[in-house]
N, C-alpha and C. Protein backbone atom coordinates (compact mmCIF):
# COMPACT_ATOMS: atom_id res chain seq x y z
N UNK A 1 70.67 104.82 90.61
CA UNK A 1 70.63 103.22 91.18
C UNK A 1 72.00 102.39 90.88
N UNK A 2 72.51 102.07 91.71
CA UNK A 2 73.63 101.08 91.84
C UNK A 2 73.43 99.65 91.32
N UNK A 3 74.20 98.85 90.64
CA UNK A 3 74.32 97.76 90.44
C UNK A 3 75.21 96.76 90.97
N UNK A 4 74.88 95.86 91.71
CA UNK A 4 75.76 95.01 92.18
C UNK A 4 76.41 94.23 91.19
N UNK A 5 77.76 94.41 91.46
CA UNK A 5 78.92 93.49 90.58
C UNK A 5 79.52 92.44 91.49
N UNK A 6 79.51 91.05 90.66
CA UNK A 6 79.63 89.67 91.36
C UNK A 6 81.51 90.27 91.96
N UNK A 7 81.59 90.15 93.29
CA UNK A 7 83.12 90.16 93.29
C UNK A 7 83.93 89.04 93.03
N UNK A 8 85.02 89.15 91.82
CA UNK A 8 85.84 88.35 91.36
C UNK A 8 87.31 88.30 91.80
N UNK A 9 87.75 87.20 92.07
CA UNK A 9 88.78 87.16 92.69
C UNK A 9 90.29 87.85 92.05
N UNK A 10 90.17 88.11 91.00
CA UNK A 10 91.00 88.99 90.00
C UNK A 10 91.48 90.53 90.51
N UNK A 11 89.95 90.58 90.98
CA UNK A 11 89.81 92.06 91.72
C UNK A 11 90.54 92.06 93.24
N UNK A 12 90.47 91.14 93.90
CA UNK A 12 90.82 90.94 94.84
C UNK A 12 92.51 90.74 95.19
N UNK A 13 92.89 89.73 93.96
CA UNK A 13 94.38 89.82 94.07
C UNK A 13 94.98 90.98 93.47
N UNK A 14 94.44 91.87 92.94
CA UNK A 14 94.86 93.07 92.77
C UNK A 14 95.20 94.27 93.60
N UNK A 15 93.69 93.97 94.14
CA UNK A 15 93.78 94.99 95.38
C UNK A 15 94.52 94.74 96.31
N UNK A 16 95.09 93.22 96.61
CA UNK A 16 95.67 92.92 97.80
C UNK A 16 96.92 93.39 97.29
N UNK A 17 97.32 93.33 96.19
CA UNK A 17 99.01 93.30 95.44
C UNK A 17 99.24 94.94 95.73
N UNK A 18 98.34 95.53 95.47
CA UNK A 18 98.78 97.21 95.50
C UNK A 18 98.32 97.48 96.80
N UNK A 19 97.42 96.79 98.00
CA UNK A 19 97.60 97.44 98.79
C UNK A 19 98.68 97.11 99.81
N UNK A 20 99.20 95.95 99.64
CA UNK A 20 100.36 95.52 99.88
C UNK A 20 101.68 96.01 99.60
N UNK A 21 101.88 96.76 98.52
CA UNK A 21 102.74 97.21 98.18
C UNK A 21 102.99 98.68 98.67
N UNK A 22 101.65 99.60 98.71
CA UNK A 22 101.75 100.66 99.32
C UNK A 22 101.68 101.22 100.64
N UNK A 23 101.23 100.22 101.43
CA UNK A 23 100.68 100.55 102.37
C UNK A 23 102.69 100.28 103.43
N UNK A 24 103.10 99.81 103.18
CA UNK A 24 104.19 99.13 104.00
C UNK A 24 104.86 100.51 104.34
N UNK A 25 105.35 101.31 103.27
CA UNK A 25 106.25 102.26 102.93
C UNK A 25 105.40 103.70 102.42
N UNK A 26 104.22 103.68 102.21
CA UNK A 26 103.57 104.79 101.57
C UNK A 26 103.89 104.92 100.07
N UNK A 27 104.40 104.03 99.31
CA UNK A 27 105.03 104.80 98.02
C UNK A 27 104.88 103.13 97.50
N UNK A 28 103.88 103.66 95.97
CA UNK A 28 103.80 102.81 95.25
C UNK A 28 105.09 102.77 94.01
N UNK A 29 105.85 102.31 94.29
CA UNK A 29 107.07 103.02 92.96
C UNK A 29 106.91 101.70 91.73
N UNK A 30 107.68 102.64 90.75
CA UNK A 30 107.45 101.91 89.19
C UNK A 30 107.91 100.63 89.08
N UNK A 31 109.07 100.05 90.26
CA UNK A 31 109.52 98.71 90.10
C UNK A 31 108.05 97.79 90.61
N UNK A 32 107.42 98.23 91.74
CA UNK A 32 106.21 97.49 92.49
C UNK A 32 104.97 97.66 91.15
N UNK A 33 104.54 98.72 90.73
CA UNK A 33 104.11 98.60 89.40
C UNK A 33 104.11 97.79 88.25
N UNK A 34 105.19 98.04 87.99
CA UNK A 34 105.86 97.00 86.97
C UNK A 34 105.71 95.17 87.33
N UNK A 35 106.30 95.25 88.62
CA UNK A 35 105.75 93.62 89.16
C UNK A 35 104.53 92.95 89.30
N UNK A 36 103.80 94.12 89.74
CA UNK A 36 102.14 93.94 89.95
C UNK A 36 101.39 93.56 88.51
N UNK A 37 101.95 94.41 87.74
CA UNK A 37 101.43 94.10 86.20
C UNK A 37 101.81 92.96 85.61
N UNK A 38 103.06 92.42 85.79
CA UNK A 38 103.39 91.18 85.40
C UNK A 38 102.55 89.90 86.06
N UNK A 39 102.49 90.18 87.16
CA UNK A 39 101.87 89.04 88.09
C UNK A 39 100.43 88.46 87.89
N UNK A 40 99.30 90.40 87.45
CA UNK A 40 98.40 90.09 87.22
C UNK A 40 98.00 89.70 85.30
N UNK A 41 99.08 89.86 84.89
CA UNK A 41 98.74 89.46 83.64
C UNK A 41 98.97 88.10 83.41
N UNK A 42 99.75 87.46 84.10
CA UNK A 42 99.86 85.67 84.16
C UNK A 42 98.51 85.55 85.04
N UNK A 43 98.07 86.28 86.14
CA UNK A 43 96.88 85.51 86.82
C UNK A 43 95.51 85.85 85.64
N UNK A 44 95.59 86.45 85.17
CA UNK A 44 94.32 87.09 84.18
C UNK A 44 94.60 85.84 82.96
N UNK A 45 95.14 85.38 83.01
CA UNK A 45 95.56 84.13 81.77
C UNK A 45 95.97 84.85 80.52
N UNK A 46 96.90 85.82 80.91
CA UNK A 46 97.66 86.76 79.55
C UNK A 46 96.84 87.34 78.66
N UNK A 47 95.50 87.88 79.34
CA UNK A 47 94.68 88.43 78.62
C UNK A 47 94.43 89.95 79.09
N UNK A 48 95.24 90.80 78.05
CA UNK A 48 95.34 92.03 78.09
C UNK A 48 94.08 92.94 78.19
N UNK A 49 92.72 92.49 77.88
CA UNK A 49 91.40 93.24 77.95
C UNK A 49 91.22 92.86 79.61
N UNK A 50 91.18 91.22 79.90
CA UNK A 50 90.88 90.99 81.30
C UNK A 50 91.65 91.82 82.05
N UNK A 51 93.03 91.95 82.37
CA UNK A 51 93.60 92.81 82.88
C UNK A 51 93.23 94.12 83.47
N UNK A 52 93.09 95.02 82.09
CA UNK A 52 92.57 96.46 81.88
C UNK A 52 91.46 96.28 82.59
N UNK A 53 90.25 95.59 82.56
CA UNK A 53 89.26 95.79 83.33
C UNK A 53 89.36 95.23 84.67
N UNK A 54 90.24 94.51 85.37
CA UNK A 54 90.38 94.11 86.51
C UNK A 54 91.02 95.39 87.34
N UNK A 55 91.94 95.96 86.41
CA UNK A 55 92.83 97.27 86.93
C UNK A 55 91.52 98.30 86.93
N UNK A 56 90.69 98.70 85.89
CA UNK A 56 89.70 99.80 86.07
C UNK A 56 88.90 99.57 87.38
N UNK A 57 88.18 98.64 86.89
CA UNK A 57 87.05 98.22 88.35
C UNK A 57 87.50 98.38 89.30
N UNK A 58 88.85 97.95 89.56
CA UNK A 58 89.42 97.75 91.08
C UNK A 58 89.42 99.13 91.39
N UNK A 59 90.34 99.94 90.75
CA UNK A 59 90.29 101.36 91.38
C UNK A 59 89.36 102.33 91.39
N UNK A 60 88.14 101.90 90.35
CA UNK A 60 87.30 102.57 90.33
C UNK A 60 86.80 102.46 91.93
N UNK A 61 86.78 101.23 92.18
CA UNK A 61 85.81 100.90 93.42
C UNK A 61 86.76 101.47 94.68
N UNK A 62 87.70 101.16 94.59
CA UNK A 62 88.68 101.66 95.60
C UNK A 62 88.48 103.58 95.89
N UNK A 63 88.60 103.83 94.53
CA UNK A 63 88.19 105.69 95.20
C UNK A 63 87.02 105.80 95.52
N UNK A 64 85.93 105.06 95.55
CA UNK A 64 84.67 105.47 96.21
C UNK A 64 84.52 104.79 97.41
N UNK A 65 85.53 103.77 97.73
CA UNK A 65 85.28 102.90 98.71
C UNK A 65 86.23 102.91 100.11
N UNK A 66 87.28 102.90 99.94
CA UNK A 66 88.52 103.02 100.39
C UNK A 66 88.74 104.58 100.87
N UNK A 67 88.68 104.97 102.46
CA UNK A 67 88.75 106.51 102.67
C UNK A 67 90.08 106.47 103.39
N UNK A 68 91.06 105.94 104.20
CA UNK A 68 91.54 105.78 105.04
C UNK A 68 92.56 104.29 104.71
N UNK A 69 93.72 104.26 105.37
CA UNK A 69 94.79 103.14 105.20
C UNK A 69 93.91 101.96 106.45
N UNK A 70 93.57 102.41 106.98
CA UNK A 70 92.90 101.16 107.84
C UNK A 70 91.99 100.45 107.53
N UNK A 71 90.82 101.30 106.30
CA UNK A 71 89.80 100.60 105.37
C UNK A 71 90.70 99.35 104.60
N UNK A 72 91.85 100.31 103.70
CA UNK A 72 92.42 99.25 102.80
C UNK A 72 93.14 98.24 103.53
N UNK A 73 93.53 98.10 104.69
CA UNK A 73 94.24 97.21 105.35
C UNK A 73 93.11 96.11 105.91
N UNK A 74 91.93 96.52 106.50
CA UNK A 74 91.00 95.69 106.82
C UNK A 74 90.26 95.03 105.37
N UNK A 75 90.10 95.70 104.40
CA UNK A 75 89.80 94.72 102.98
C UNK A 75 90.62 94.21 102.44
N UNK A 76 91.91 94.44 102.63
CA UNK A 76 92.85 93.92 102.04
C UNK A 76 92.59 92.25 102.88
N UNK A 77 92.71 91.92 104.45
CA UNK A 77 92.59 90.81 105.02
C UNK A 77 91.20 90.36 104.85
N UNK A 78 90.03 91.16 104.64
CA UNK A 78 88.81 90.29 104.26
C UNK A 78 89.10 89.60 102.88
N UNK A 79 89.44 90.25 102.19
CA UNK A 79 89.83 89.85 100.57
C UNK A 79 90.51 88.43 100.90
N UNK A 80 91.10 88.31 101.57
CA UNK A 80 92.37 87.23 101.44
C UNK A 80 91.30 86.19 102.27
N UNK A 81 90.36 86.41 103.13
CA UNK A 81 89.90 85.45 103.47
C UNK A 81 88.88 85.05 102.52
N UNK A 82 88.37 86.23 101.72
CA UNK A 82 87.37 85.75 100.58
C UNK A 82 87.85 84.27 99.65
N UNK A 83 89.39 85.01 99.64
CA UNK A 83 90.19 84.16 97.90
C UNK A 83 89.99 82.76 99.04
N UNK A 84 89.96 82.80 100.23
CA UNK A 84 90.53 81.54 100.53
C UNK A 84 89.53 80.45 100.81
N UNK A 85 88.35 81.29 101.08
CA UNK A 85 86.90 80.43 100.53
C UNK A 85 86.64 80.13 99.22
N UNK A 86 87.38 80.49 98.39
CA UNK A 86 86.84 80.35 96.96
C UNK A 86 87.70 78.78 96.67
N UNK A 87 86.75 78.02 96.14
CA UNK A 87 87.33 76.68 96.03
C UNK A 87 87.93 76.54 95.01
N UNK A 88 88.12 77.58 93.94
CA UNK A 88 89.06 77.32 92.94
C UNK A 88 90.38 78.12 92.83
N UNK A 89 90.26 78.61 94.49
CA UNK A 89 91.75 79.14 94.94
C UNK A 89 92.67 78.36 95.48
N UNK A 90 93.06 77.05 95.12
CA UNK A 90 93.19 76.21 95.83
C UNK A 90 94.63 76.08 96.37
N UNK A 91 95.48 75.19 96.89
CA UNK A 91 96.36 75.05 97.76
C UNK A 91 97.96 75.71 97.00
N UNK A 92 97.97 75.20 95.16
CA UNK A 92 99.00 75.58 94.57
C UNK A 92 98.50 76.94 93.92
N UNK A 93 97.04 77.53 94.18
CA UNK A 93 97.21 79.04 93.58
C UNK A 93 97.94 79.90 95.20
N UNK A 94 97.45 79.29 96.34
CA UNK A 94 97.63 80.01 97.40
C UNK A 94 99.03 80.24 97.79
N UNK A 95 99.73 79.23 97.02
CA UNK A 95 101.22 79.43 97.46
C UNK A 95 102.05 80.02 96.41
N UNK A 96 101.19 80.14 95.11
CA UNK A 96 101.62 81.19 93.95
C UNK A 96 101.50 82.57 94.90
N UNK A 97 100.55 82.41 95.23
CA UNK A 97 100.00 84.24 95.59
C UNK A 97 100.82 84.64 96.61
N UNK A 98 101.46 83.83 97.72
CA UNK A 98 102.16 84.20 98.72
C UNK A 98 103.51 84.16 97.68
N UNK A 99 104.01 83.77 97.03
CA UNK A 99 105.02 84.14 96.56
C UNK A 99 105.48 85.18 95.55
N UNK A 100 104.27 85.29 94.79
CA UNK A 100 104.29 86.74 94.36
C UNK A 100 104.33 88.07 95.96
N UNK A 101 103.24 87.55 96.66
CA UNK A 101 103.83 88.83 97.86
C UNK A 101 105.30 88.89 98.27
N UNK A 102 105.80 88.13 98.16
CA UNK A 102 107.48 88.14 98.00
C UNK A 102 108.10 88.80 97.10
N UNK A 103 107.40 88.69 95.75
CA UNK A 103 108.32 89.24 94.92
C UNK A 103 108.15 90.19 94.84
N UNK A 104 106.62 91.07 94.74
CA UNK A 104 106.42 92.35 95.34
C UNK A 104 107.08 93.12 96.14
N UNK A 105 107.59 92.48 97.14
CA UNK A 105 108.23 93.04 98.55
C UNK A 105 109.44 93.31 97.97
N UNK A 106 110.31 92.22 97.41
CA UNK A 106 111.87 92.16 96.96
C UNK A 106 111.96 93.13 95.77
N UNK A 107 110.80 93.65 94.96
CA UNK A 107 110.89 94.56 93.77
C UNK A 107 111.65 95.79 93.86
N UNK A 108 111.47 96.44 94.97
CA UNK A 108 112.31 97.77 94.65
C UNK A 108 113.58 97.47 95.46
N UNK A 109 113.74 96.43 96.13
CA UNK A 109 114.81 96.23 96.74
C UNK A 109 114.81 96.54 98.35
N UNK A 110 113.77 96.66 98.92
CA UNK A 110 113.63 97.07 100.43
C UNK A 110 112.20 96.19 100.58
N UNK A 111 112.86 94.90 101.18
CA UNK A 111 111.73 94.27 102.13
C UNK A 111 111.59 94.46 103.12
N UNK A 112 110.80 95.84 103.14
CA UNK A 112 110.15 96.55 104.39
C UNK A 112 109.89 95.63 105.83
N UNK A 113 109.88 95.36 106.81
CA UNK A 113 109.73 94.89 107.97
C UNK A 113 108.02 94.62 108.27
N UNK A 114 107.51 95.73 107.92
CA UNK A 114 106.29 95.55 108.05
C UNK A 114 105.44 94.38 106.65
N UNK A 115 105.92 94.49 105.55
CA UNK A 115 105.82 93.40 104.61
C UNK A 115 105.99 91.90 105.11
N UNK A 116 107.13 91.83 105.62
CA UNK A 116 107.64 90.83 106.33
C UNK A 116 106.26 89.79 107.59
N UNK A 117 105.68 91.08 108.11
CA UNK A 117 104.97 90.57 109.23
C UNK A 117 103.57 90.37 108.28
N UNK A 118 103.22 91.39 107.71
CA UNK A 118 101.74 91.60 106.73
C UNK A 118 101.92 89.68 105.76
N UNK A 119 103.23 89.32 105.38
CA UNK A 119 103.13 88.34 104.81
C UNK A 119 102.73 87.05 105.50
N UNK A 120 103.55 87.28 106.84
CA UNK A 120 103.21 86.13 107.72
C UNK A 120 101.58 85.75 107.92
N UNK A 121 101.07 87.27 108.24
CA UNK A 121 100.04 87.11 108.46
C UNK A 121 98.82 86.68 107.45
N UNK A 122 99.26 86.86 106.13
CA UNK A 122 98.74 86.34 105.04
C UNK A 122 98.54 84.66 104.95
N UNK A 123 99.76 84.23 104.83
CA UNK A 123 100.59 82.69 104.89
C UNK A 123 99.48 82.10 106.16
N UNK A 124 99.46 82.65 107.29
CA UNK A 124 98.36 82.27 108.65
C UNK A 124 96.77 82.10 107.82
N UNK A 125 96.43 83.20 107.30
CA UNK A 125 95.21 83.43 106.74
C UNK A 125 94.85 82.32 105.79
N UNK A 126 95.51 82.14 104.76
CA UNK A 126 95.79 81.17 103.94
C UNK A 126 95.95 79.79 104.34
N UNK A 127 96.36 79.78 105.52
CA UNK A 127 96.59 78.19 106.03
C UNK A 127 97.86 77.63 105.32
N UNK A 128 98.35 78.39 105.24
CA UNK A 128 100.17 78.35 104.57
C UNK A 128 100.74 78.42 106.04
N UNK A 129 102.08 77.69 105.90
CA UNK A 129 103.05 77.47 107.18
C UNK A 129 104.39 78.09 106.91
N UNK A 130 104.32 79.27 106.22
CA UNK A 130 105.44 79.95 105.88
C UNK A 130 105.48 81.07 106.67
N UNK A 131 106.77 81.49 107.31
CA UNK A 131 106.89 82.47 108.12
C UNK A 131 108.18 82.96 107.65
N UNK A 132 108.41 84.37 107.43
CA UNK A 132 109.52 85.01 107.21
C UNK A 132 110.24 86.12 107.78
N UNK A 133 109.19 86.54 109.02
CA UNK A 133 109.55 87.63 109.88
C UNK A 133 109.88 87.04 110.96
N UNK A 134 110.43 88.12 111.98
CA UNK A 134 111.24 87.49 113.44
C UNK A 134 110.07 87.65 114.10
N UNK A 135 108.98 87.74 113.95
CA UNK A 135 107.50 87.80 114.92
C UNK A 135 107.11 86.54 115.09
N UNK A 136 107.24 85.95 116.65
CA UNK A 136 106.91 84.39 116.60
C UNK A 136 104.86 84.14 116.16
N UNK A 137 104.91 83.13 116.38
CA UNK A 137 103.68 82.86 115.41
C UNK A 137 102.61 83.12 116.51
N UNK A 138 102.46 83.31 117.92
CA UNK A 138 101.88 84.08 118.57
C UNK A 138 101.29 85.25 118.39
N UNK A 139 102.80 86.02 117.99
CA UNK A 139 102.20 87.55 118.05
C UNK A 139 101.91 87.57 116.72
N UNK A 140 101.80 86.94 115.51
CA UNK A 140 101.49 86.70 114.14
C UNK A 140 100.21 86.81 114.44
N UNK A 141 99.53 85.62 115.00
CA UNK A 141 97.77 85.26 115.61
C UNK A 141 97.39 86.54 116.12
N UNK A 142 98.01 87.11 117.05
CA UNK A 142 97.39 88.13 117.75
C UNK A 142 97.06 89.59 116.91
N UNK A 143 98.07 89.67 115.86
CA UNK A 143 98.00 90.87 115.14
C UNK A 143 96.98 90.51 114.18
N UNK A 144 97.00 89.29 113.85
CA UNK A 144 95.91 88.96 112.90
C UNK A 144 94.21 88.99 113.32
N UNK A 145 94.49 88.70 114.76
CA UNK A 145 92.77 88.51 115.25
C UNK A 145 92.56 90.04 115.34
N UNK A 146 93.30 91.25 115.59
CA UNK A 146 93.42 92.67 115.99
C UNK A 146 92.87 93.28 114.43
N UNK A 147 92.71 92.48 113.27
CA UNK A 147 92.42 93.34 112.27
C UNK A 147 91.10 93.69 112.13
N UNK A 148 90.74 94.45 111.98
CA UNK A 148 88.89 94.44 111.84
C UNK A 148 88.71 93.91 110.44
N UNK A 149 87.78 93.24 110.03
CA UNK A 149 87.28 93.03 108.28
C UNK A 149 86.32 93.90 108.63
N UNK A 150 86.18 94.11 107.00
CA UNK A 150 85.48 94.92 106.64
C UNK A 150 84.85 94.24 105.10
N UNK A 151 83.29 94.84 105.30
CA UNK A 151 82.77 94.27 103.99
C UNK A 151 83.41 94.63 102.79
N UNK A 152 83.24 93.32 102.07
CA UNK A 152 83.67 93.79 100.82
C UNK A 152 82.49 93.37 99.51
N UNK A 153 82.63 94.09 98.56
CA UNK A 153 82.17 94.14 97.55
C UNK A 153 82.35 95.04 96.40
N UNK A 154 82.06 95.02 95.12
CA UNK A 154 82.09 95.77 93.92
C UNK A 154 80.86 96.31 93.69
N UNK A 155 80.42 97.60 93.56
CA UNK A 155 79.14 98.00 92.98
C UNK A 155 79.80 99.18 91.66
N UNK A 156 78.51 99.11 90.74
CA UNK A 156 78.67 99.91 89.82
C UNK A 156 77.69 100.82 89.85
């Protein structure tokens, strides 16, 4: 029998950071892993046990529920919607989150064009007027509307 686990914003943040880094070029390199760990350590209140739990639960959930790159992208944007709806994820946290996305992108010295587009889509989803890609706002809106959202949740 599976036990429902309450979806935690930290799990979502970790999943999004990893998905963002991995899916733009298909590689999650050591520099990206290092910056994601540092960022997650900050989000977890500098608590190594919390961070370890977040990583383990999220990775186990991902192995069971993510079957393709499309699944991963769909869930990533569903989680962004979930974060935005969380009243504790205020404008300041949204801006830190988006800044973290840029830091992850720059960590491997290759701010991939897909990452720039996703950055702008994330910013739009979070209600932040920050754009860095060359794409028009109309193109960003169209691309965001075409992302099929996938039901999310964590089960044990």
